[in-house]
C-alpha atoms as a PDB file:
ATOM      1  CA  UNK A   1      -0.016   0.045  -0.007  1.00  0.00           C
ATOM      2  CA  UNK A   2       2.778   2.438   0.925  1.00  0.00           C
ATOM      3  CA  UNK A   3       4.602   1.387  -2.247  1.00  0.00           C
ATOM      4  CA  UNK A   4       1.544   2.324  -4.336  1.00  0.00           C
ATOM      5  CA  UNK A   5       1.068   5.597  -2.545  1.00  0.00           C
ATOM      6  CA  UNK A   6       4.734   6.606  -3.271  1.00  0.00           C
ATOM      7  CA  UNK A   7       4.385   5.612  -6.815  1.00  0.00           C
ATOM      8  CA  UNK A   8       1.384   7.814  -7.153  1.00  0.00           C
ATOM      9  CA  UNK A   9       3.016  10.753  -5.506  1.00  0.00           C
ATOM     10  CA  UNK A  10       5.926  10.512  -7.699  1.00  0.00           C
ATOM     11  CA  UNK A  11       3.774  10.549 -10.838  1.00  0.00           C
ATOM     12  CA  UNK A  12       1.913  13.662  -9.598  1.00  0.00           C
ATOM     13  CA  UNK A  13       5.366  15.398  -8.880  1.00  0.00           C
ATOM     14  CA  UNK A  14       6.648  14.609 -12.259  1.00  0.00           C
ATOM     15  CA  UNK A  15       3.336  15.921 -13.872  1.00  0.00           C
ATOM     16  CA  UNK A  16       3.650  19.073 -11.961  1.00  0.00           C
ATOM     17  CA  UNK A  17       7.167  19.588 -12.961  1.00  0.00           C
ATOM     18  CA  UNK A  18       6.395  18.922 -16.577  1.00  0.00           C
ATOM     19  CA  UNK A  19       3.575  21.665 -16.409  1.00  0.00           C
ATOM     20  CA  UNK A  20       5.607  24.315 -14.408  1.00  0.00           C
ATOM     21  CA  UNK A  21       6.702  27.281 -16.329  1.00  0.00           C
ATOM     22  CA  UNK A  22      10.445  27.448 -17.493  1.00  0.00           C
ATOM     23  CA  UNK A  23      12.400  29.701 -15.067  1.00  0.00           C
ATOM     24  CA  UNK A  24      16.069  30.345 -14.898  1.00  0.00           C
ATOM     25  CA  UNK A  25      17.532  29.288 -11.605  1.00  0.00           C
ATOM     26  CA  UNK A  26      20.220  31.974 -11.822  1.00  0.00           C
ATOM     27  CA  UNK A  27      17.672  34.796 -11.648  1.00  0.00           C
ATOM     28  CA  UNK A  28      15.151  35.868  -8.923  1.00  0.00           C
ATOM     29  CA  UNK A  29      11.537  35.180 -10.209  1.00  0.00           C
ATOM     30  CA  UNK A  30       9.644  38.563 -10.197  1.00  0.00           C
ATOM     31  CA  UNK A  31       6.660  37.893 -12.436  1.00  0.00           C
ATOM     32  CA  UNK A  32       5.226  40.575 -14.645  1.00  0.00           C
ATOM     33  CA  UNK A  33       1.670  40.422 -16.143  1.00  0.00           C
ATOM     34  CA  UNK A  34       2.844  42.196 -19.385  1.00  0.00           C
ATOM     35  CA  UNK A  35       3.386  39.273 -21.753  1.00  0.00           C
ATOM     36  CA  UNK A  36       1.622  37.025 -24.130  1.00  0.00           C
ATOM     37  CA  UNK A  37       2.176  33.736 -25.978  1.00  0.00           C
ATOM     38  CA  UNK A  38       4.228  33.789 -29.198  1.00  0.00           C
ATOM     39  CA  UNK A  39       1.597  33.517 -31.696  1.00  0.00           C
ATOM     40  CA  UNK A  40       1.281  33.220 -35.513  1.00  0.00           C
ATOM     41  CA  UNK A  41       0.365  36.238 -37.565  1.00  0.00           C
ATOM     42  CA  UNK A  42       0.131  34.606 -40.907  1.00  0.00           C
ATOM     43  CA  UNK A  43      -1.464  31.496 -42.601  1.00  0.00           C
ATOM     44  CA  UNK A  44       0.503  29.961 -45.414  1.00  0.00           C
ATOM     45  CA  UNK A  45      -1.287  27.664 -47.873  1.00  0.00           C
ATOM     46  CA  UNK A  46       0.499  24.893 -49.611  1.00  0.00           C
ATOM     47  CA  UNK A  47      -0.318  22.137 -52.114  1.00  0.00           C
ATOM     48  CA  UNK A  48       1.172  18.766 -51.339  1.00  0.00           C
ATOM     49  CA  UNK A  49       1.970  18.059 -55.009  1.00  0.00           C
ATOM     50  CA  UNK A  50       1.580  14.228 -54.217  1.00  0.00           C
ATOM     51  CA  UNK A  51      -0.921  11.729 -55.138  1.00  0.00           C
ATOM     52  CA  UNK A  52      -2.709  10.941 -51.758  1.00  0.00           C
ATOM     53  CA  UNK A  53      -3.298  11.861 -48.209  1.00  0.00           C
ATOM     54  CA  UNK A  54      -1.592   8.734 -47.065  1.00  0.00           C
ATOM     55  CA  UNK A  55       1.651   9.489 -48.819  1.00  0.00           C
ATOM     56  CA  UNK A  56       1.559  13.303 -47.755  1.00  0.00           C
ATOM     57  CA  UNK A  57       1.025  12.192 -44.187  1.00  0.00           C
ATOM     58  CA  UNK A  58       4.102   9.903 -44.366  1.00  0.00           C
ATOM     59  CA  UNK A  59       6.134  12.684 -45.871  1.00  0.00           C
ATOM     60  CA  UNK A  60       5.028  15.274 -43.282  1.00  0.00           C
ATOM     61  CA  UNK A  61       5.899  12.875 -40.320  1.00  0.00           C
ATOM     62  CA  UNK A  62       9.161  11.465 -41.520  1.00  0.00           C
ATOM     63  CA  UNK A  63      12.231  12.392 -43.615  1.00  0.00           C
ATOM     64  CA  UNK A  64      12.397  14.097 -46.957  1.00  0.00           C
ATOM     65  CA  UNK A  65      15.187  14.338 -49.571  1.00  0.00           C
ATOM     66  CA  UNK A  66      15.621  17.981 -48.473  1.00  0.00           C
ATOM     67  CA  UNK A  67      15.319  17.176 -44.795  1.00  0.00           C
ATOM     68  CA  UNK A  68      12.507  16.841 -42.338  1.00  0.00           C
ATOM     69  CA  UNK A  69       9.216  18.878 -43.318  1.00  0.00           C
ATOM     70  CA  UNK A  70       5.937  19.248 -41.619  1.00  0.00           C
ATOM     71  CA  UNK A  71       2.705  21.523 -41.408  1.00  0.00           C
ATOM     72  CA  UNK A  72       0.292  22.114 -38.796  1.00  0.00           C
ATOM     73  CA  UNK A  73      -2.697  20.903 -40.919  1.00  0.00           C
ATOM     74  CA  UNK A  74      -3.341  18.762 -43.925  1.00  0.00           C
ATOM     75  CA  UNK A  75      -6.828  19.096 -45.684  1.00  0.00           C
ATOM     76  CA  UNK A  76      -7.797  16.029 -47.781  1.00  0.00           C
ATOM     77  CA  UNK A  77      -9.476  16.264 -51.139  1.00  0.00           C
ATOM     78  CA  UNK A  78     -12.519  14.799 -49.424  1.00  0.00           C
ATOM     79  CA  UNK A  79     -12.656  17.569 -46.721  1.00  0.00           C
ATOM     80  CA  UNK A  80     -10.904  15.367 -44.169  1.00  0.00           C
ATOM     81  CA  UNK A  81      -8.815  17.384 -41.679  1.00  0.00           C
ATOM     82  CA  UNK A  82      -5.577  16.168 -39.944  1.00  0.00           C
ATOM     83  CA  UNK A  83      -3.532  18.126 -37.465  1.00  0.00           C
ATOM     84  CA  UNK A  84       0.248  17.215 -37.367  1.00  0.00           C
ATOM     85  CA  UNK A  85       1.775  19.925 -35.167  1.00  0.00           C
ATOM     86  CA  UNK A  86       0.273  21.935 -32.273  1.00  0.00           C
ATOM     87  CA  UNK A  87      -0.696  25.576 -33.242  1.00  0.00           C
ATOM     88  CA  UNK A  88       1.632  26.972 -30.619  1.00  0.00           C
ATOM     89  CA  UNK A  89       4.678  25.041 -32.169  1.00  0.00           C
ATOM     90  CA  UNK A  90       6.889  25.694 -35.183  1.00  0.00           C
ATOM     91  CA  UNK A  91       6.057  23.462 -38.025  1.00  0.00           C
ATOM     92  CA  UNK A  92       8.764  23.215 -40.701  1.00  0.00           C
ATOM     93  CA  UNK A  93       6.618  24.253 -43.762  1.00  0.00           C
ATOM     94  CA  UNK A  94       7.833  27.526 -45.079  1.00  0.00           C
ATOM     95  CA  UNK A  95      11.549  27.016 -45.634  1.00  0.00           C
ATOM     96  CA  UNK A  96      13.585  30.108 -46.868  1.00  0.00           C
ATOM     97  CA  UNK A  97      11.609  33.234 -47.889  1.00  0.00           C
ATOM     98  CA  UNK A  98      10.196  36.485 -46.853  1.00  0.00           C
ATOM     99  CA  UNK A  99       6.880  38.172 -46.598  1.00  0.00           C
ATOM    100  CA  UNK A 100       7.067  41.961 -45.939  1.00  0.00           C
ATOM    101  CA  UNK A 101       9.414  42.343 -42.963  1.00  0.00           C
ATOM    102  CA  UNK A 102       9.085  38.786 -41.836  1.00  0.00           C
ATOM    103  CA  UNK A 103      11.891  36.472 -42.638  1.00  0.00           C
ATOM    104  CA  UNK A 104      11.405  33.674 -40.085  1.00  0.00           C
ATOM    105  CA  UNK A 105       8.178  32.399 -41.579  1.00  0.00           C
ATOM    106  CA  UNK A 106       8.097  29.191 -39.645  1.00  0.00           C
ATOM    107  CA  UNK A 107       7.962  31.181 -36.414  1.00  0.00           C
ATOM    108  CA  UNK A 108       5.288  33.466 -37.639  1.00  0.00           C
ATOM    109  CA  UNK A 109       2.886  31.290 -39.468  1.00  0.00           C
ATOM    110  CA  UNK A 110       0.362  28.422 -39.429  1.00  0.00           C
ATOM    111  CA  UNK A 111       1.128  26.136 -42.370  1.00  0.00           C
ATOM    112  CA  UNK A 112      -1.830  24.289 -44.008  1.00  0.00           C
ATOM    113  CA  UNK A 113      -1.197  21.646 -46.642  1.00  0.00           C
ATOM    114  CA  UNK A 114      -3.744  20.860 -49.251  1.00  0.00           C
ATOM    115  CA  UNK A 115      -3.961  17.308 -50.788  1.00  0.00           C
ATOM    116  CA  UNK A 116      -3.537  18.372 -54.373  1.00  0.00           C
ATOM    117  CA  UNK A 117      -1.029  17.290 -57.042  1.00  0.00           C
ATOM    118  CA  UNK A 118      -0.452  20.884 -58.279  1.00  0.00           C
ATOM    119  CA  UNK A 119      -2.549  20.342 -61.540  1.00  0.00           C
ATOM    120  CA  UNK A 120      -6.065  19.345 -60.414  1.00  0.00           C
ATOM    121  CA  UNK A 121      -8.911  21.583 -59.330  1.00  0.00           C
ATOM    122  CA  UNK A 122      -9.451  21.863 -55.627  1.00  0.00           C
ATOM    123  CA  UNK A 123     -12.745  20.097 -54.781  1.00  0.00           C
ATOM    124  CA  UNK A 124     -15.475  22.064 -53.096  1.00  0.00           C
ATOM    125  CA  UNK A 125     -15.513  19.784 -50.139  1.00  0.00           C
ATOM    126  CA  UNK A 126     -11.750  20.541 -49.544  1.00  0.00           C
ATOM    127  CA  UNK A 127     -12.368  24.270 -49.821  1.00  0.00           C
ATOM    128  CA  UNK A 128     -15.374  24.114 -47.451  1.00  0.00           C
ATOM    129  CA  UNK A 129     -13.187  22.388 -44.838  1.00  0.00           C
ATOM    130  CA  UNK A 130     -10.402  24.858 -45.473  1.00  0.00           C
ATOM    131  CA  UNK A 131     -12.810  27.768 -44.795  1.00  0.00           C
ATOM    132  CA  UNK A 132     -14.140  26.089 -41.549  1.00  0.00           C
ATOM    133  CA  UNK A 133     -10.342  25.732 -40.467  1.00  0.00           C
ATOM    134  CA  UNK A 134      -9.410  29.390 -41.349  1.00  0.00           C
ATOM    135  CA  UNK A 135     -12.377  30.668 -39.480  1.00  0.00           C
ATOM    136  CA  UNK A 136     -11.351  28.606 -36.385  1.00  0.00           C
ATOM    137  CA  UNK A 137      -7.715  29.597 -36.592  1.00  0.00           C
ATOM    138  CA  UNK A 138      -8.266  33.439 -37.285  1.00  0.00           C
ATOM    139  CA  UNK A 139     -10.867  33.657 -34.458  1.00  0.00           C
ATOM    140  CA  UNK A 140      -9.068  31.453 -31.845  1.00  0.00           C
ATOM    141  CA  UNK A 141      -5.499  32.566 -32.590  1.00  0.00           C
ATOM    142  CA  UNK A 142      -6.393  36.127 -33.450  1.00  0.00           C
ATOM    143  CA  UNK A 143      -4.750  35.962 -36.940  1.00  0.00           C
ATOM    144  CA  UNK A 144      -5.842  38.874 -39.171  1.00  0.00           C
ATOM    145  CA  UNK A 145      -8.227  37.533 -41.716  1.00  0.00           C
ATOM    146  CA  UNK A 146      -6.443  39.258 -44.728  1.00  0.00           C
ATOM    147  CA  UNK A 147      -3.146  37.542 -43.665  1.00  0.00           C
ATOM    148  CA  UNK A 148      -3.632  34.349 -45.807  1.00  0.00           C
ATOM    149  CA  UNK A 149      -0.983  33.836 -48.401  1.00  0.00           C
ATOM    150  CA  UNK A 150       0.420  31.352 -50.774  1.00  0.00           C
ATOM    151  CA  UNK A 151       3.699  29.403 -50.292  1.00  0.00           C
ATOM    152  CA  UNK A 152       4.720  30.799 -53.560  1.00  0.00           C
ATOM    153  CA  UNK A 153       4.075  34.446 -52.361  1.00  0.00           C
ATOM    154  CA  UNK A 154       6.886  34.350 -49.773  1.00  0.00           C
ATOM    155  CA  UNK A 155       9.294  32.061 -51.730  1.00  0.00           C
ATOM    156  CA  UNK A 156       8.633  33.003 -55.480  1.00  0.00           C
ATOM    157  CA  UNK A 157      12.085  31.682 -56.734  1.00  0.00           C
ATOM    158  CA  UNK A 158      11.504  28.240 -55.334  1.00  0.00           C
ATOM    159  CA  UNK A 159       7.721  27.482 -54.972  1.00  0.00           C
ATOM    160  CA  UNK A 160       4.640  27.740 -57.045  1.00  0.00           C
ATOM    161  CA  UNK A 161       2.018  26.265 -54.738  1.00  0.00           C
ATOM    162  CA  UNK A 162      -0.897  26.046 -54.314  1.00  0.00           C
ATOM    163  CA  UNK A 163      -0.841  26.903 -57.805  1.00  0.00           C
ATOM    164  CA  UNK A 164      -2.788  28.962 -60.398  1.00  0.00           C
ATOM    165  CA  UNK A 165      -5.978  26.827 -60.007  1.00  0.00           C
ATOM    166  CA  UNK A 166      -6.326  27.682 -56.349  1.00  0.00           C
ATOM    167  CA  UNK A 167      -9.703  29.512 -55.805  1.00  0.00           C
ATOM    168  CA  UNK A 168      -8.448  32.597 -53.975  1.00  0.00           C
ATOM    169  CA  UNK A 169     -11.713  34.445 -55.012  1.00  0.00           C
ATOM    170  CA  UNK A 170     -13.758  31.913 -53.092  1.00  0.00           C
ATOM    171  CA  UNK A 171     -11.538  32.515 -50.020  1.00  0.00           C
ATOM    172  CA  UNK A 172     -12.088  36.253 -50.426  1.00  0.00           C
ATOM    173  CA  UNK A 173     -15.835  36.007 -50.597  1.00  0.00           C
ATOM    174  CA  UNK A 174     -15.702  34.239 -47.279  1.00  0.00           C
ATOM    175  CA  UNK A 175     -13.561  37.070 -45.895  1.00  0.00           C
ATOM    176  CA  UNK A 176     -10.007  35.445 -46.032  1.00  0.00           C
ATOM    177  CA  UNK A 177      -7.029  37.053 -47.822  1.00  0.00           C
ATOM    178  CA  UNK A 178      -6.695  40.346 -49.768  1.00  0.00           C
ATOM    179  CA  UNK A 179      -8.750  40.634 -53.042  1.00  0.00           C
ATOM    180  CA  UNK A 180      -9.071  43.656 -55.200  1.00  0.00           C
ATOM    181  CA  UNK A 181     -12.237  45.901 -55.205  1.00  0.00           C
ATOM    182  CA  UNK A 182     -13.183  47.114 -58.754  1.00  0.00           C
ATOM    183  CA  UNK A 183     -14.907  50.168 -57.054  1.00  0.00           C
ATOM    184  CA  UNK A 184     -11.363  51.505 -56.222  1.00  0.00           C
ATOM    185  CA  UNK A 185     -10.949  52.366 -59.908  1.00  0.00           C
ATOM    186  CA  UNK A 186      -7.749  53.527 -61.607  1.00  0.00           C
ATOM    187  CA  UNK A 187      -4.643  54.342 -59.806  1.00  0.00           C
ATOM    188  CA  UNK A 188      -3.466  57.949 -59.668  1.00  0.00           C
ATOM    189  CA  UNK A 189      -0.629  59.351 -61.856  1.00  0.00           C
ATOM    190  CA  UNK A 190       2.710  58.244 -60.711  1.00  0.00           C
ATOM    191  CA  UNK A 191       1.439  54.981 -59.105  1.00  0.00           C
ATOM    192  CA  UNK A 192       4.445  52.622 -58.835  1.00  0.00           C
ATOM    193  CA  UNK A 193       3.337  48.937 -59.180  1.00  0.00           C
ATOM    194  CA  UNK A 194       6.744  47.740 -57.874  1.00  0.00           C
ATOM    195  CA  UNK A 195       6.418  49.724 -54.577  1.00  0.00           C
ATOM    196  CA  UNK A 196       3.000  48.554 -54.304  1.00  0.00           C
ATOM    197  CA  UNK A 197       3.991  44.773 -54.607  1.00  0.00           C
ATOM    198  CA  UNK A 198       6.612  45.522 -51.958  1.00  0.00           C
ATOM    199  CA  UNK A 199       4.124  47.160 -49.698  1.00  0.00           C
ATOM    200  CA  UNK A 200       1.883  44.077 -49.927  1.00  0.00           C
ATOM    201  CA  UNK A 201       4.609  41.748 -49.078  1.00  0.00           C
ATOM    202  CA  UNK A 202       6.277  40.106 -52.096  1.00  0.00           C
ATOM    203  CA  UNK A 203      10.090  39.955 -51.994  1.00  0.00           C
ATOM    204  CA  UNK A 204      11.572  41.623 -55.135  1.00  0.00           C
ATOM    205  CA  UNK A 205      15.027  39.976 -55.151  1.00  0.00           C
ATOM    206  CA  UNK A 206      13.923  38.499 -58.388  1.00  0.00           C
ATOM    207  CA  UNK A 207      11.372  40.671 -59.830  1.00  0.00           C
ATOM    208  CA  UNK A 208      10.067  38.204 -62.707  1.00  0.00           C
ATOM    209  CA  UNK A 209       9.567  35.561 -60.012  1.00  0.00           C
ATOM    210  CA  UNK A 210       7.739  37.922 -57.730  1.00  0.00           C
ATOM    211  CA  UNK A 211       5.417  38.840 -60.713  1.00  0.00           C
ATOM    212  CA  UNK A 212       4.694  35.271 -61.567  1.00  0.00           C
ATOM    213  CA  UNK A 213       3.757  34.602 -57.887  1.00  0.00           C
ATOM    214  CA  UNK A 214       1.618  37.590 -57.904  1.00  0.00           C
ATOM    215  CA  UNK A 215      -0.110  36.532 -61.138  1.00  0.00           C
ATOM    216  CA  UNK A 216      -0.675  32.978 -59.971  1.00  0.00           C
ATOM    217  CA  UNK A 217      -2.497  34.512 -56.948  1.00  0.00           C
ATOM    218  CA  UNK A 218      -4.652  37.184 -58.701  1.00  0.00           C
ATOM    219  CA  UNK A 219      -4.725  36.450 -62.364  1.00  0.00           C
ATOM    220  CA  UNK A 220      -4.642  32.550 -62.401  1.00  0.00           C
ATOM    221  CA  UNK A 221      -1.678  32.450 -64.802  1.00  0.00           C
ATOM    222  CA  UNK A 222       2.108  32.697 -64.563  1.00  0.00           C
ATOM    223  CA  UNK A 223       2.992  35.658 -66.721  1.00  0.00           C
ATOM    224  CA  UNK A 224       5.987  37.707 -65.795  1.00  0.00           C
ATOM    225  CA  UNK A 225       4.731  41.064 -66.843  1.00  0.00           C
ATOM    226  CA  UNK A 226       2.488  43.781 -65.268  1.00  0.00           C
ATOM    227  CA  UNK A 227      -0.307  45.342 -67.308  1.00  0.00           C
ATOM    228  CA  UNK A 228      -2.974  47.886 -66.774  1.00  0.00           C
ATOM    229  CA  UNK A 229      -5.172  45.449 -64.923  1.00  0.00           C
ATOM    230  CA  UNK A 230      -2.371  44.582 -62.584  1.00  0.00           C
ATOM    231  CA  UNK A 231      -1.891  48.145 -61.675  1.00  0.00           C
ATOM    232  CA  UNK A 232      -5.562  48.362 -60.765  1.00  0.00           C
ATOM    233  CA  UNK A 233      -5.440  45.335 -58.615  1.00  0.00           C
ATOM    234  CA  UNK A 234      -2.253  46.362 -56.785  1.00  0.00           C
ATOM    235  CA  UNK A 235      -3.670  49.936 -56.347  1.00  0.00           C
ATOM    236  CA  UNK A 236      -6.749  48.060 -54.615  1.00  0.00           C
ATOM    237  CA  UNK A 237      -4.639  45.939 -52.525  1.00  0.00           C
ATOM    238  CA  UNK A 238      -2.607  48.800 -51.191  1.00  0.00           C
ATOM    239  CA  UNK A 239      -5.698  50.864 -50.407  1.00  0.00           C
ATOM    240  CA  UNK A 240      -7.269  47.928 -48.397  1.00  0.00           C
ATOM    241  CA  UNK A 241      -3.895  47.473 -46.424  1.00  0.00           C
ATOM    242  CA  UNK A 242      -3.917  51.130 -45.485  1.00  0.00           C
ATOM    243  CA  UNK A 243      -7.337  50.831 -44.140  1.00  0.00           C
ATOM    244  CA  UNK A 244      -6.543  47.886 -41.899  1.00  0.00           C
ATOM    245  CA  UNK A 245      -6.115  49.056 -38.175  1.00  0.00           C
END
């Protein structure tokens, strides 16, 4: 009986230690209430570019030819939802890249993989599940609803996912991501589309790659040139960003 009681006490003590906050024994603990949990400020959408959920789950939970990779969530073509990494932890999904002033994207984002080979349309059931997940994440983690971007947006020289067939307009109708408003009309004289792209977030180290990433997102193609319609789109995006508190 005494032995069982001691075992139970040891387990409770170990659990208490595991849940105790991390404190440096070298310093006096003088707690301040002025802090918050480190949290994501972006959602990055990917396409698995593989042929099945099962294969993608293996990849995201094991090794990879370029090193271990993961994501917080995987959304199946049938709408099935899988979580692989806790929201509060860094998943290894973004790799090298930049979005605006953010260079460590893994630390600042939630990564969502979509079961898609990069060429097929995204089924309605999958997009419906993604929208429910985005609503949950943005509400619960206080991620701005406009801060939903493509993997290709942050790494235009390396990536093209989720690809030109992804329905960004459908997400915008549900309130996620930035989308141009035709009511904003023509940009004023002297409007610089390159400064606008930089203000929205695209890295311009390789301008052609950045334009292709932008065109995938907003025009559904992969052209490397900007025309009058692109100027109107970029002008509208910048106006919207300026209006966000």
